[in-house]
Structures are given as C-alpha cells and as structure tokens.
C-alpha cells in the first residue's frame, strides 16, 4: 500500500508563543477605546469593532482600510523580533533539511513557513490564486529535488494578490461566506460557478450523491496528491496534523469540514455514506475539555493529557508548544 500523503496544519499558536501581543483580542482591539465583553468570540469582536453601534459615535472605516490597519499592526509586531526567530519555530517541525509534508496549511497571514522552507533549500516554483477575497485555491508551490510542498494560506494573506488585505479572514461575515463556499465544493464540486475538476464533475453528474463522497469512492487510495486544487481535499484524502491551532469554536469553517467528514464516514442510512476511510486527523495542542470532547466525537485523535482547565494561570505555553512538537515528530517517525 502506498504511503498516505501528509498535511501539516499550523495556527496562530506559533506567533502567540512569541508574544501575548499576537493574541487576537489584543490585535483587533489595538487603537480603539471600545469596551467589549470578556470572552467575546473574536469573529464577533471583529464585527463589534468594524460595525460600532450608533451610540458609540464614530465613523466606520472602509473594511479594506480597516483590515489594512490590522496588517500594519501585525507587521509592526513582527519587526520587534529578529528575522531568524520566526523561521526557527517552524524549522522544529521539519526533519532536519527535509520537510515530510506534501501540504502545509496555515491560518496565519505572515510568511514564516515560506521563509523556513527556503531556509532548508526549498525553491519557490509558482503561486496560484484566482481569488482576491477568498482562499479556496490560494497556494504557493515549493520544490527541493523531486519533492514538492504546497503552502495554503486558507484564511488569507497580509500581502497577497495585488497587495490587498481583503483576503484576511477575521469577521463572522467572512467566515460564514467562506464556509458556504466550502459547502458548495464538498457537495457539488463547484465554487461560485467554477468547476474544480471538470473530468470528475462530469462523472459526478450521473450520480445523486455529494461530490466529496463520490470522489472518495471513485479514486479511493489511488488519489493523486499532485492533483489537488483546493486545500479542502486534504481533510478527506491526507493524514492531517494540527498544531498551534486551538480549534476555538469560532473556527466554523474547520468545524464544518470535520463534522461533514464524520457524517460521510458513519451515517449508513445516508446515500452519501462512504465505507472507505482514507485518512486520520491528529490534534497536538492543549484545549478545553469541551473542545477535546467535540474533537473526539468527530474522530480526531489527540493525547489524553491535553486538557486546559478554566482556572489555569501562568501557563508556560512555550513548554506546551515544545511538547506538542515532540508528539508530532514522534508520530511522523512512526509513519516512515
């Protein structure tokens, strides 16, 4: 049996580990004097700050300008740390000079992962992106020898297509619209009238099942990782390793995919049921008991000692991130 493709999923934990200034409530609230409720989900915090109520008496900015201010703030935070520090964190995920992943997904807007790949000799090949605001296809290709690594910025880029900050995904409106596009692809193989794979879509027209379970049955273990056109496929066809990403319940796009995958694989009464499980999904971080229990319900694998208690204080997140990286590297060794 051919070795399964491997995907690394990296979140903001790598930046937040550098400084609490990278915590999203801090980033979003910079430069405002609004008092916002504690524990407000950051997707709604963004909307609260962008859409002030009438009694707050200040003019709303253009949203692109609003996002540009956030990016400038993030750039300023980055500039406070030595250039080498950010790639070094990512280098710990690799096997020396070798990147063991075919795909790297990140929700971060910076280019630390690209700098790390270049640091160990991977050469930029091309960038593909037909979207300005959304990130269904947003990717960069790197190569070293015969190995290819695709980097996916699934929540946008700070300096993406046309140097526009429109793609950075922070607000509830953007999250919901993105989840709608994901749903359209998973069910129909189409994103806003764009057919992702015309050959498979033509075969799919003759069936009544959703597009994703159709291609899972159609291609199965013969699925070619090189044929990937959207990061969504990796959640169904590639082993997924999630690290530095707390799986906050605000991340509705990722939760929707995990839920749909579980339904396809277990609901035998559905016409979309798939008997062939093609991948495993692993979570390496610390999280609340509620999050971990939900991940377990969706067949995500994690270590049992990863619960964050509500009253925990003075947590050494740097130590915990190192533990997570060790667990990840151990599992990757087992796949060799």
C-alpha atoms as a PDB file:
ATOM      1  CA  UNK A   1       0.000   0.000   0.000  1.00  0.00           C
ATOM      2  CA  UNK A   2       1.302   3.449  -0.910  1.00  0.00           C
ATOM      3  CA  UNK A   3       2.203   5.736   1.957  1.00  0.00           C
ATOM      4  CA  UNK A   4      -0.542   8.206   2.797  1.00  0.00           C
ATOM      5  CA  UNK A   5       0.054  11.849   1.923  1.00  0.00           C
ATOM      6  CA  UNK A   6       0.771  14.035   4.970  1.00  0.00           C
ATOM      7  CA  UNK A   7      -0.541  17.534   5.689  1.00  0.00           C
ATOM      8  CA  UNK A   8       0.640  19.941   8.389  1.00  0.00           C
ATOM      9  CA  UNK A   9      -1.909  22.454   9.725  1.00  0.00           C
ATOM     10  CA  UNK A  10      -0.369  25.451  11.549  1.00  0.00           C
ATOM     11  CA  UNK A  11      -2.243  28.106  13.513  1.00  0.00           C
ATOM     12  CA  UNK A  12      -1.565  31.345  15.359  1.00  0.00           C
ATOM     13  CA  UNK A  13      -0.146  29.488  18.370  1.00  0.00           C
ATOM     14  CA  UNK A  14       3.304  29.768  16.820  1.00  0.00           C
ATOM     15  CA  UNK A  15       3.042  33.553  16.795  1.00  0.00           C
ATOM     16  CA  UNK A  16       1.248  33.853  20.117  1.00  0.00           C
ATOM     17  CA  UNK A  17       4.003  31.730  21.636  1.00  0.00           C
ATOM     18  CA  UNK A  18       6.368  34.554  20.696  1.00  0.00           C
ATOM     19  CA  UNK A  19       4.321  37.216  22.486  1.00  0.00           C
ATOM     20  CA  UNK A  20       0.850  37.673  24.009  1.00  0.00           C
ATOM     21  CA  UNK A  21       0.590  40.706  21.734  1.00  0.00           C
ATOM     22  CA  UNK A  22      -0.331  38.256  18.953  1.00  0.00           C
ATOM     23  CA  UNK A  23      -3.482  37.117  20.823  1.00  0.00           C
ATOM     24  CA  UNK A  24      -6.371  38.063  18.544  1.00  0.00           C
ATOM     25  CA  UNK A  25      -8.384  40.096  21.050  1.00  0.00           C
ATOM     26  CA  UNK A  26      -5.236  42.215  21.594  1.00  0.00           C
ATOM     27  CA  UNK A  27      -4.565  42.583  17.876  1.00  0.00           C
ATOM     28  CA  UNK A  28      -8.131  43.517  16.969  1.00  0.00           C
ATOM     29  CA  UNK A  29      -8.648  45.974  19.821  1.00  0.00           C
ATOM     30  CA  UNK A  30      -5.440  47.909  19.140  1.00  0.00           C
ATOM     31  CA  UNK A  31      -6.069  51.592  18.534  1.00  0.00           C
ATOM     32  CA  UNK A  32      -9.666  51.597  19.801  1.00  0.00           C
ATOM     33  CA  UNK A  33     -11.151  52.716  23.076  1.00  0.00           C
ATOM     34  CA  UNK A  34     -14.213  50.500  22.951  1.00  0.00           C
ATOM     35  CA  UNK A  35     -15.049  48.371  25.950  1.00  0.00           C
ATOM     36  CA  UNK A  36     -16.034  44.921  24.738  1.00  0.00           C
ATOM     37  CA  UNK A  37     -17.419  41.977  26.722  1.00  0.00           C
ATOM     38  CA  UNK A  38     -14.900  39.451  28.006  1.00  0.00           C
ATOM     39  CA  UNK A  39     -14.684  36.150  26.146  1.00  0.00           C
ATOM     40  CA  UNK A  40     -16.484  37.548  23.118  1.00  0.00           C
ATOM     41  CA  UNK A  41     -15.619  35.217  20.176  1.00  0.00           C
ATOM     42  CA  UNK A  42     -13.070  37.055  18.075  1.00  0.00           C
ATOM     43  CA  UNK A  43     -15.186  36.731  14.912  1.00  0.00           C
ATOM     44  CA  UNK A  44     -17.858  38.788  16.692  1.00  0.00           C
ATOM     45  CA  UNK A  45     -15.251  41.046  18.283  1.00  0.00           C
ATOM     46  CA  UNK A  46     -14.133  41.977  14.769  1.00  0.00           C
ATOM     47  CA  UNK A  47     -17.718  42.794  13.780  1.00  0.00           C
ATOM     48  CA  UNK A  48     -18.216  44.766  17.005  1.00  0.00           C
ATOM     49  CA  UNK A  49     -15.185  46.905  16.198  1.00  0.00           C
ATOM     50  CA  UNK A  50     -15.947  47.271  12.495  1.00  0.00           C
ATOM     51  CA  UNK A  51     -19.688  47.879  12.957  1.00  0.00           C
ATOM     52  CA  UNK A  52     -19.911  50.179  16.008  1.00  0.00           C
ATOM     53  CA  UNK A  53     -23.367  50.798  17.378  1.00  0.00           C
ATOM     54  CA  UNK A  54     -24.949  54.223  16.887  1.00  0.00           C
ATOM     55  CA  UNK A  55     -24.326  55.351  20.463  1.00  0.00           C
ATOM     56  CA  UNK A  56     -20.579  54.958  20.015  1.00  0.00           C
ATOM     57  CA  UNK A  57     -20.466  57.990  17.699  1.00  0.00           C
ATOM     58  CA  UNK A  58     -17.574  57.382  15.389  1.00  0.00           C
ATOM     59  CA  UNK A  59     -17.396  56.883  11.683  1.00  0.00           C
ATOM     60  CA  UNK A  60     -16.928  53.407  10.313  1.00  0.00           C
ATOM     61  CA  UNK A  61     -13.912  52.925   8.061  1.00  0.00           C
ATOM     62  CA  UNK A  62     -13.883  51.200   4.698  1.00  0.00           C
ATOM     63  CA  UNK A  63     -13.374  47.497   5.503  1.00  0.00           C
ATOM     64  CA  UNK A  64     -10.282  47.158   3.312  1.00  0.00           C
ATOM     65  CA  UNK A  65      -8.739  50.118   5.150  1.00  0.00           C
ATOM     66  CA  UNK A  66      -9.793  48.588   8.485  1.00  0.00           C
ATOM     67  CA  UNK A  67      -8.057  45.302   7.601  1.00  0.00           C
ATOM     68  CA  UNK A  68      -5.011  47.168   6.319  1.00  0.00           C
ATOM     69  CA  UNK A  69      -4.629  48.751   9.758  1.00  0.00           C
ATOM     70  CA  UNK A  70      -4.643  45.298  11.353  1.00  0.00           C
ATOM     71  CA  UNK A  71      -1.965  44.103   8.936  1.00  0.00           C
ATOM     72  CA  UNK A  72       0.194  47.162   9.662  1.00  0.00           C
ATOM     73  CA  UNK A  73      -0.093  46.374  13.366  1.00  0.00           C
ATOM     74  CA  UNK A  74       0.927  42.738  12.773  1.00  0.00           C
ATOM     75  CA  UNK A  75       3.862  43.872  10.633  1.00  0.00           C
ATOM     76  CA  UNK A  76       4.952  46.156  13.460  1.00  0.00           C
ATOM     77  CA  UNK A  77       4.789  43.264  15.936  1.00  0.00           C
ATOM     78  CA  UNK A  78       6.861  41.097  13.601  1.00  0.00           C
ATOM     79  CA  UNK A  79       9.501  43.798  13.271  1.00  0.00           C
ATOM     80  CA  UNK A  80      10.205  43.651  17.022  1.00  0.00           C
ATOM     81  CA  UNK A  81      11.706  40.171  16.742  1.00  0.00           C
ATOM     82  CA  UNK A  82      14.888  39.062  14.998  1.00  0.00           C
ATOM     83  CA  UNK A  83      14.299  37.803  11.469  1.00  0.00           C
ATOM     84  CA  UNK A  84      15.619  34.363  12.396  1.00  0.00           C
ATOM     85  CA  UNK A  85      13.223  33.757  15.294  1.00  0.00           C
ATOM     86  CA  UNK A  86      10.090  33.144  13.263  1.00  0.00           C
ATOM     87  CA  UNK A  87      11.518  30.578  10.822  1.00  0.00           C
ATOM     88  CA  UNK A  88      13.281  28.808  13.707  1.00  0.00           C
ATOM     89  CA  UNK A  89       9.964  27.860  15.291  1.00  0.00           C
ATOM     90  CA  UNK A  90       8.799  26.272  12.059  1.00  0.00           C
ATOM     91  CA  UNK A  91      12.126  24.549  11.443  1.00  0.00           C
ATOM     92  CA  UNK A  92      11.472  22.477  14.566  1.00  0.00           C
ATOM     93  CA  UNK A  93       8.591  20.855  12.676  1.00  0.00           C
ATOM     94  CA  UNK A  94      10.832  19.516   9.932  1.00  0.00           C
ATOM     95  CA  UNK A  95      13.180  16.552   9.799  1.00  0.00           C
ATOM     96  CA  UNK A  96      16.461  18.420   9.530  1.00  0.00           C
ATOM     97  CA  UNK A  97      16.757  19.652   5.946  1.00  0.00           C
ATOM     98  CA  UNK A  98      13.690  17.714   4.833  1.00  0.00           C
ATOM     99  CA  UNK A  99      10.004  18.673   5.012  1.00  0.00           C
ATOM    100  CA  UNK A 100       7.968  15.460   5.456  1.00  0.00           C
ATOM    101  CA  UNK A 101       4.666  17.047   4.379  1.00  0.00           C
ATOM    102  CA  UNK A 102       3.184  17.351   0.891  1.00  0.00           C
ATOM    103  CA  UNK A 103       0.868  20.153   2.022  1.00  0.00           C
ATOM    104  CA  UNK A 104       1.201  22.817   4.694  1.00  0.00           C
ATOM    105  CA  UNK A 105      -1.996  24.625   5.659  1.00  0.00           C
ATOM    106  CA  UNK A 106      -1.792  27.783   7.737  1.00  0.00           C
ATOM    107  CA  UNK A 107      -4.332  30.228   9.107  1.00  0.00           C
ATOM    108  CA  UNK A 108      -1.548  32.796   9.637  1.00  0.00           C
ATOM    109  CA  UNK A 109      -1.192  35.825   7.410  1.00  0.00           C
ATOM    110  CA  UNK A 110       2.608  36.067   7.619  1.00  0.00           C
ATOM    111  CA  UNK A 111       5.205  34.143   5.608  1.00  0.00           C
ATOM    112  CA  UNK A 112       7.196  32.447   8.361  1.00  0.00           C
ATOM    113  CA  UNK A 113       6.564  28.972   6.940  1.00  0.00           C
ATOM    114  CA  UNK A 114       7.735  30.039   3.478  1.00  0.00           C
ATOM    115  CA  UNK A 115      10.917  31.524   4.961  1.00  0.00           C
ATOM    116  CA  UNK A 116      11.536  28.280   6.852  1.00  0.00           C
ATOM    117  CA  UNK A 117      11.168  26.200   3.684  1.00  0.00           C
ATOM    118  CA  UNK A 118      13.568  28.488   1.819  1.00  0.00           C
ATOM    119  CA  UNK A 119      15.988  28.259   4.759  1.00  0.00           C
ATOM    120  CA  UNK A 120      16.342  24.491   4.255  1.00  0.00           C
ATOM    121  CA  UNK A 121      16.710  24.712   0.487  1.00  0.00           C
ATOM    122  CA  UNK A 122      13.196  24.573  -0.946  1.00  0.00           C
ATOM    123  CA  UNK A 123      12.826  26.782  -4.023  1.00  0.00           C
ATOM    124  CA  UNK A 124       9.698  28.756  -4.867  1.00  0.00           C
ATOM    125  CA  UNK A 125       8.093  27.499  -8.099  1.00  0.00           C
ATOM    126  CA  UNK A 126       4.813  29.300  -8.622  1.00  0.00           C
ATOM    127  CA  UNK A 127       1.786  30.888  -6.969  1.00  0.00           C
ATOM    128  CA  UNK A 128      -1.817  30.213  -7.945  1.00  0.00           C
ATOM    129  CA  UNK A 129      -4.756  32.244  -6.803  1.00  0.00           C
ATOM    130  CA  UNK A 130      -7.864  33.188  -8.734  1.00  0.00           C
ATOM    131  CA  UNK A 131      -9.444  34.909  -5.723  1.00  0.00           C
ATOM    132  CA  UNK A 132      -8.894  38.291  -4.144  1.00  0.00           C
ATOM    133  CA  UNK A 133     -11.068  37.989  -1.046  1.00  0.00           C
ATOM    134  CA  UNK A 134     -11.394  34.228  -0.540  1.00  0.00           C
ATOM    135  CA  UNK A 135      -8.768  31.499  -0.277  1.00  0.00           C
ATOM    136  CA  UNK A 136     -10.206  28.288  -1.675  1.00  0.00           C
ATOM    137  CA  UNK A 137      -7.325  27.930  -4.157  1.00  0.00           C
ATOM    138  CA  UNK A 138      -4.729  30.283  -2.663  1.00  0.00           C
ATOM    139  CA  UNK A 139      -1.416  28.392  -2.724  1.00  0.00           C
ATOM    140  CA  UNK A 140       2.314  28.534  -3.332  1.00  0.00           C
ATOM    141  CA  UNK A 141       4.461  25.692  -4.594  1.00  0.00           C
ATOM    142  CA  UNK A 142       7.995  24.943  -3.334  1.00  0.00           C
ATOM    143  CA  UNK A 143      10.316  22.229  -4.544  1.00  0.00           C
ATOM    144  CA  UNK A 144      13.545  20.544  -3.456  1.00  0.00           C
ATOM    145  CA  UNK A 145      14.862  17.780  -5.634  1.00  0.00           C
ATOM    146  CA  UNK A 146      11.891  15.594  -6.501  1.00  0.00           C
ATOM    147  CA  UNK A 147       9.786  16.683  -3.541  1.00  0.00           C
ATOM    148  CA  UNK A 148       7.028  19.272  -3.845  1.00  0.00           C
ATOM    149  CA  UNK A 149       5.424  21.134  -0.937  1.00  0.00           C
ATOM    150  CA  UNK A 150       2.265  23.216  -1.346  1.00  0.00           C
ATOM    151  CA  UNK A 151       1.601  26.039   1.151  1.00  0.00           C
ATOM    152  CA  UNK A 152      -2.039  27.077   1.619  1.00  0.00           C
ATOM    153  CA  UNK A 153      -2.977  30.351   3.366  1.00  0.00           C
ATOM    154  CA  UNK A 154      -6.588  29.354   3.972  1.00  0.00           C
ATOM    155  CA  UNK A 155      -7.516  32.498   5.946  1.00  0.00           C
ATOM    156  CA  UNK A 156      -5.807  34.904   3.578  1.00  0.00           C
ATOM    157  CA  UNK A 157      -2.523  36.783   3.414  1.00  0.00           C
ATOM    158  CA  UNK A 158      -1.340  40.106   4.710  1.00  0.00           C
ATOM    159  CA  UNK A 159       0.322  40.896   1.418  1.00  0.00           C
ATOM    160  CA  UNK A 160      -1.460  38.713  -1.067  1.00  0.00           C
ATOM    161  CA  UNK A 161      -2.762  39.242  -4.565  1.00  0.00           C
ATOM    162  CA  UNK A 162      -2.419  42.900  -5.532  1.00  0.00           C
ATOM    163  CA  UNK A 163      -1.060  43.658  -2.040  1.00  0.00           C
ATOM    164  CA  UNK A 164      -4.689  43.794  -0.885  1.00  0.00           C
ATOM    165  CA  UNK A 165      -5.633  42.895   2.708  1.00  0.00           C
ATOM    166  CA  UNK A 166      -9.159  41.910   1.616  1.00  0.00           C
ATOM    167  CA  UNK A 167      -8.359  38.221   1.955  1.00  0.00           C
ATOM    168  CA  UNK A 168      -7.583  38.188   5.686  1.00  0.00           C
ATOM    169  CA  UNK A 169     -10.451  36.392   7.375  1.00  0.00           C
ATOM    170  CA  UNK A 170     -11.398  37.693  10.804  1.00  0.00           C
ATOM    171  CA  UNK A 171     -15.082  38.614  10.919  1.00  0.00           C
ATOM    172  CA  UNK A 172     -18.193  36.489  11.257  1.00  0.00           C
ATOM    173  CA  UNK A 173     -19.465  37.591   7.829  1.00  0.00           C
ATOM    174  CA  UNK A 174     -16.265  36.428   6.095  1.00  0.00           C
ATOM    175  CA  UNK A 175     -16.235  33.118   7.997  1.00  0.00           C
ATOM    176  CA  UNK A 176     -19.829  32.327   7.035  1.00  0.00           C
ATOM    177  CA  UNK A 177     -19.271  33.198   3.380  1.00  0.00           C
ATOM    178  CA  UNK A 178     -16.158  31.016   3.302  1.00  0.00           C
ATOM    179  CA  UNK A 179     -17.997  28.104   4.915  1.00  0.00           C
ATOM    180  CA  UNK A 180     -20.698  28.449   2.254  1.00  0.00           C
ATOM    181  CA  UNK A 181     -18.056  28.106  -0.457  1.00  0.00           C
ATOM    182  CA  UNK A 182     -16.598  25.045   1.273  1.00  0.00           C
ATOM    183  CA  UNK A 183     -20.064  23.500   1.423  1.00  0.00           C
ATOM    184  CA  UNK A 184     -20.595  24.179  -2.290  1.00  0.00           C
ATOM    185  CA  UNK A 185     -17.346  22.413  -3.170  1.00  0.00           C
ATOM    186  CA  UNK A 186     -17.860  19.407  -0.860  1.00  0.00           C
ATOM    187  CA  UNK A 187     -21.419  18.826  -2.031  1.00  0.00           C
ATOM    188  CA  UNK A 188     -21.255  19.881  -5.679  1.00  0.00           C
ATOM    189  CA  UNK A 189     -17.594  20.186  -6.748  1.00  0.00           C
ATOM    190  CA  UNK A 190     -18.287  23.794  -7.706  1.00  0.00           C
ATOM    191  CA  UNK A 191     -17.270  27.103  -6.107  1.00  0.00           C
ATOM    192  CA  UNK A 192     -19.210  30.085  -7.460  1.00  0.00           C
ATOM    193  CA  UNK A 193     -19.723  28.510 -10.894  1.00  0.00           C
ATOM    194  CA  UNK A 194     -16.084  27.414 -11.133  1.00  0.00           C
ATOM    195  CA  UNK A 195     -15.801  23.639 -11.671  1.00  0.00           C
ATOM    196  CA  UNK A 196     -12.705  22.482  -9.812  1.00  0.00           C
ATOM    197  CA  UNK A 197     -12.168  19.189 -11.688  1.00  0.00           C
ATOM    198  CA  UNK A 198     -14.121  19.005 -14.950  1.00  0.00           C
ATOM    199  CA  UNK A 199     -13.450  15.316 -15.632  1.00  0.00           C
ATOM    200  CA  UNK A 200     -14.640  14.170 -12.199  1.00  0.00           C
ATOM    201  CA  UNK A 201     -17.523  16.616 -12.213  1.00  0.00           C
ATOM    202  CA  UNK A 202     -18.758  15.155 -15.496  1.00  0.00           C
ATOM    203  CA  UNK A 203     -18.832  11.668 -13.946  1.00  0.00           C
ATOM    204  CA  UNK A 204     -20.482  13.077 -10.833  1.00  0.00           C
ATOM    205  CA  UNK A 205     -23.417  14.482 -12.842  1.00  0.00           C
ATOM    206  CA  UNK A 206     -24.734  10.949 -13.300  1.00  0.00           C
ATOM    207  CA  UNK A 207     -24.997  10.347  -9.534  1.00  0.00           C
ATOM    208  CA  UNK A 208     -27.204  11.682  -6.758  1.00  0.00           C
ATOM    209  CA  UNK A 209     -24.585  11.666  -4.019  1.00  0.00           C
ATOM    210  CA  UNK A 210     -22.439  14.560  -2.872  1.00  0.00           C
ATOM    211  CA  UNK A 211     -19.253  15.314  -4.799  1.00  0.00           C
ATOM    212  CA  UNK A 212     -16.783  14.547  -1.980  1.00  0.00           C
ATOM    213  CA  UNK A 213     -18.059  11.038  -1.131  1.00  0.00           C
ATOM    214  CA  UNK A 214     -18.276  10.396  -4.878  1.00  0.00           C
ATOM    215  CA  UNK A 215     -14.582  11.132  -5.475  1.00  0.00           C
ATOM    216  CA  UNK A 216     -13.638   9.268  -2.294  1.00  0.00           C
ATOM    217  CA  UNK A 217     -15.286   6.161  -3.739  1.00  0.00           C
ATOM    218  CA  UNK A 218     -14.176   6.902  -7.296  1.00  0.00           C
ATOM    219  CA  UNK A 219     -10.493   7.487  -6.589  1.00  0.00           C
ATOM    220  CA  UNK A 220     -10.063   5.928  -3.152  1.00  0.00           C
ATOM    221  CA  UNK A 221      -6.491   5.085  -2.296  1.00  0.00           C
ATOM    222  CA  UNK A 222      -5.417   5.862  -5.866  1.00  0.00           C
ATOM    223  CA  UNK A 223      -5.973   9.567  -5.284  1.00  0.00           C
ATOM    224  CA  UNK A 224      -3.003  11.503  -6.621  1.00  0.00           C
ATOM    225  CA  UNK A 225      -1.771  14.208  -4.177  1.00  0.00           C
ATOM    226  CA  UNK A 226      -0.374  16.134  -7.144  1.00  0.00           C
ATOM    227  CA  UNK A 227      -3.917  16.613  -8.491  1.00  0.00           C
ATOM    228  CA  UNK A 228      -5.061  18.691  -5.529  1.00  0.00           C
ATOM    229  CA  UNK A 229      -6.662  22.001  -6.470  1.00  0.00           C
ATOM    230  CA  UNK A 230      -8.087  23.090  -3.115  1.00  0.00           C
ATOM    231  CA  UNK A 231      -6.954  22.611   0.491  1.00  0.00           C
ATOM    232  CA  UNK A 232     -10.365  21.184   1.402  1.00  0.00           C
ATOM    233  CA  UNK A 233      -9.408  17.844  -0.194  1.00  0.00           C
ATOM    234  CA  UNK A 234      -6.638  17.277   2.335  1.00  0.00           C
ATOM    235  CA  UNK A 235      -9.182  16.800   5.146  1.00  0.00           C
ATOM    236  CA  UNK A 236     -10.522  13.750   3.312  1.00  0.00           C
ATOM    237  CA  UNK A 237      -7.511  12.282   1.492  1.00  0.00           C
ATOM    238  CA  UNK A 238      -4.437  13.156   3.573  1.00  0.00           C
ATOM    239  CA  UNK A 239      -3.373  12.494   7.150  1.00  0.00           C
ATOM    240  CA  UNK A 240      -3.794  15.846   8.922  1.00  0.00           C
ATOM    241  CA  UNK A 241      -1.550  17.092  11.761  1.00  0.00           C
ATOM    242  CA  UNK A 242      -2.998  20.149  13.558  1.00  0.00           C
ATOM    243  CA  UNK A 243      -0.607  22.126  15.749  1.00  0.00           C
ATOM    244  CA  UNK A 244      -0.526  25.677  17.125  1.00  0.00           C
ATOM    245  CA  UNK A 245      -4.255  25.947  16.434  1.00  0.00           C
ATOM    246  CA  UNK A 246      -6.586  25.914  19.435  1.00  0.00           C
ATOM    247  CA  UNK A 247      -9.702  24.803  17.496  1.00  0.00           C
ATOM    248  CA  UNK A 248     -11.751  27.619  19.000  1.00  0.00           C
ATOM    249  CA  UNK A 249     -15.442  27.121  18.240  1.00  0.00           C
ATOM    250  CA  UNK A 250     -15.296  30.359  16.219  1.00  0.00           C
ATOM    251  CA  UNK A 251     -13.400  28.427  13.536  1.00  0.00           C
ATOM    252  CA  UNK A 252     -16.647  27.388  11.908  1.00  0.00           C
ATOM    253  CA  UNK A 253     -15.072  26.563   8.531  1.00  0.00           C
ATOM    254  CA  UNK A 254     -12.845  23.849  10.019  1.00  0.00           C
ATOM    255  CA  UNK A 255     -15.540  22.519  12.343  1.00  0.00           C
ATOM    256  CA  UNK A 256     -17.953  22.219   9.410  1.00  0.00           C
ATOM    257  CA  UNK A 257     -15.453  20.089   7.470  1.00  0.00           C
ATOM    258  CA  UNK A 258     -14.758  17.820  10.456  1.00  0.00           C
ATOM    259  CA  UNK A 259     -18.480  17.372  11.019  1.00  0.00           C
ATOM    260  CA  UNK A 260     -19.182  16.577   7.367  1.00  0.00           C
ATOM    261  CA  UNK A 261     -16.313  14.098   7.172  1.00  0.00           C
ATOM    262  CA  UNK A 262     -17.677  12.276  10.230  1.00  0.00           C
ATOM    263  CA  UNK A 263     -21.166  12.161   8.727  1.00  0.00           C
ATOM    264  CA  UNK A 264     -19.935  10.730   5.431  1.00  0.00           C
ATOM    265  CA  UNK A 265     -17.983   8.005   7.222  1.00  0.00           C
ATOM    266  CA  UNK A 266     -20.605   6.925   9.781  1.00  0.00           C
ATOM    267  CA  UNK A 267     -24.151   7.676   8.609  1.00  0.00           C
ATOM    268  CA  UNK A 268     -25.004   4.366   6.921  1.00  0.00           C
ATOM    269  CA  UNK A 269     -28.593   5.428   6.354  1.00  0.00           C
ATOM    270  CA  UNK A 270     -27.461   8.272   4.087  1.00  0.00           C
ATOM    271  CA  UNK A 271     -26.959   7.946   0.330  1.00  0.00           C
ATOM    272  CA  UNK A 272     -23.688   9.856   0.878  1.00  0.00           C
ATOM    273  CA  UNK A 273     -22.204   7.217   3.192  1.00  0.00           C
ATOM    274  CA  UNK A 274     -18.591   6.239   2.397  1.00  0.00           C
ATOM    275  CA  UNK A 275     -17.190   2.925   3.587  1.00  0.00           C
ATOM    276  CA  UNK A 276     -13.556   3.713   2.808  1.00  0.00           C
ATOM    277  CA  UNK A 277     -11.732   5.854   5.382  1.00  0.00           C
ATOM    278  CA  UNK A 278      -8.703   7.370   3.659  1.00  0.00           C
ATOM    279  CA  UNK A 279      -7.009   9.394   6.395  1.00  0.00           C
ATOM    280  CA  UNK A 280      -6.599  10.200  10.065  1.00  0.00           C
ATOM    281  CA  UNK A 281      -6.681  13.628  11.697  1.00  0.00           C
ATOM    282  CA  UNK A 282      -4.462  14.410  14.702  1.00  0.00           C
ATOM    283  CA  UNK A 283      -4.625  17.328  17.146  1.00  0.00           C
ATOM    284  CA  UNK A 284      -1.488  18.058  19.212  1.00  0.00           C
ATOM    285  CA  UNK A 285      -2.360  21.138  21.260  1.00  0.00           C
ATOM    286  CA  UNK A 286      -3.879  21.810  24.653  1.00  0.00           C
ATOM    287  CA  UNK A 287      -7.557  22.819  24.694  1.00  0.00           C
ATOM    288  CA  UNK A 288     -10.631  22.976  26.894  1.00  0.00           C
ATOM    289  CA  UNK A 289     -12.457  19.803  27.816  1.00  0.00           C
ATOM    290  CA  UNK A 290     -15.406  20.894  25.660  1.00  0.00           C
ATOM    291  CA  UNK A 291     -13.218  21.273  22.573  1.00  0.00           C
ATOM    292  CA  UNK A 292     -11.440  17.958  23.128  1.00  0.00           C
ATOM    293  CA  UNK A 293     -14.722  16.092  23.641  1.00  0.00           C
ATOM    294  CA  UNK A 294     -16.084  17.558  20.421  1.00  0.00           C
ATOM    295  CA  UNK A 295     -12.915  16.622  18.528  1.00  0.00           C
ATOM    296  CA  UNK A 296     -13.263  13.075  19.846  1.00  0.00           C
ATOM    297  CA  UNK A 297     -16.859  12.963  18.602  1.00  0.00           C
ATOM    298  CA  UNK A 298     -15.522  13.894  15.152  1.00  0.00           C
ATOM    299  CA  UNK A 299     -12.863  11.134  15.211  1.00  0.00           C
ATOM    300  CA  UNK A 300      -9.909  13.475  15.708  1.00  0.00           C
ATOM    301  CA  UNK A 301      -7.052  11.770  17.582  1.00  0.00           C
ATOM    302  CA  UNK A 302      -5.262  13.548  20.468  1.00  0.00           C
ATOM    303  CA  UNK A 303      -3.285  12.818  23.619  1.00  0.00           C
ATOM    304  CA  UNK A 304      -5.469  12.429  26.708  1.00  0.00           C
ATOM    305  CA  UNK A 305      -3.336  14.794  28.840  1.00  0.00           C
ATOM    306  CA  UNK A 306      -4.116  17.893  26.787  1.00  0.00           C
ATOM    307  CA  UNK A 307      -6.954  19.449  28.835  1.00  0.00           C
ATOM    308  CA  UNK A 308      -6.680  23.149  29.739  1.00  0.00           C
ATOM    309  CA  UNK A 309      -8.537  23.837  32.991  1.00  0.00           C
ATOM    310  CA  UNK A 310     -10.656  27.033  33.167  1.00  0.00           C
ATOM    311  CA  UNK A 311      -8.807  28.350  36.245  1.00  0.00           C
ATOM    312  CA  UNK A 312      -5.263  27.742  34.973  1.00  0.00           C
ATOM    313  CA  UNK A 313      -2.910  30.705  35.360  1.00  0.00           C
ATOM    314  CA  UNK A 314       0.704  31.423  34.435  1.00  0.00           C
ATOM    315  CA  UNK A 315       0.718  28.650  31.856  1.00  0.00           C
ATOM    316  CA  UNK A 316       4.069  28.052  30.157  1.00  0.00           C
ATOM    317  CA  UNK A 317       2.765  27.963  26.580  1.00  0.00           C
ATOM    318  CA  UNK A 318       6.287  27.757  25.197  1.00  0.00           C
ATOM    319  CA  UNK A 319       6.837  24.494  27.097  1.00  0.00           C
ATOM    320  CA  UNK A 320       3.480  23.157  25.950  1.00  0.00           C
ATOM    321  CA  UNK A 321       4.210  24.004  22.321  1.00  0.00           C
ATOM    322  CA  UNK A 322       7.508  22.134  22.562  1.00  0.00           C
ATOM    323  CA  UNK A 323       5.648  19.118  23.969  1.00  0.00           C
ATOM    324  CA  UNK A 324       3.198  19.294  21.073  1.00  0.00           C
ATOM    325  CA  UNK A 325       6.040  19.424  18.550  1.00  0.00           C
ATOM    326  CA  UNK A 326       7.691  16.390  20.169  1.00  0.00           C
ATOM    327  CA  UNK A 327       4.418  14.441  19.932  1.00  0.00           C
ATOM    328  CA  UNK A 328       4.042  15.426  16.284  1.00  0.00           C
ATOM    329  CA  UNK A 329       7.587  14.399  15.351  1.00  0.00           C
ATOM    330  CA  UNK A 330       7.194  11.088  17.170  1.00  0.00           C
ATOM    331  CA  UNK A 331       4.062  10.266  15.188  1.00  0.00           C
ATOM    332  CA  UNK A 332       5.708  11.291  11.922  1.00  0.00           C
ATOM    333  CA  UNK A 333       8.584   8.899  12.676  1.00  0.00           C
ATOM    334  CA  UNK A 334       6.025   6.126  13.089  1.00  0.00           C
ATOM    335  CA  UNK A 335       4.658   6.770   9.579  1.00  0.00           C
ATOM    336  CA  UNK A 336       8.035   6.263   7.916  1.00  0.00           C
END
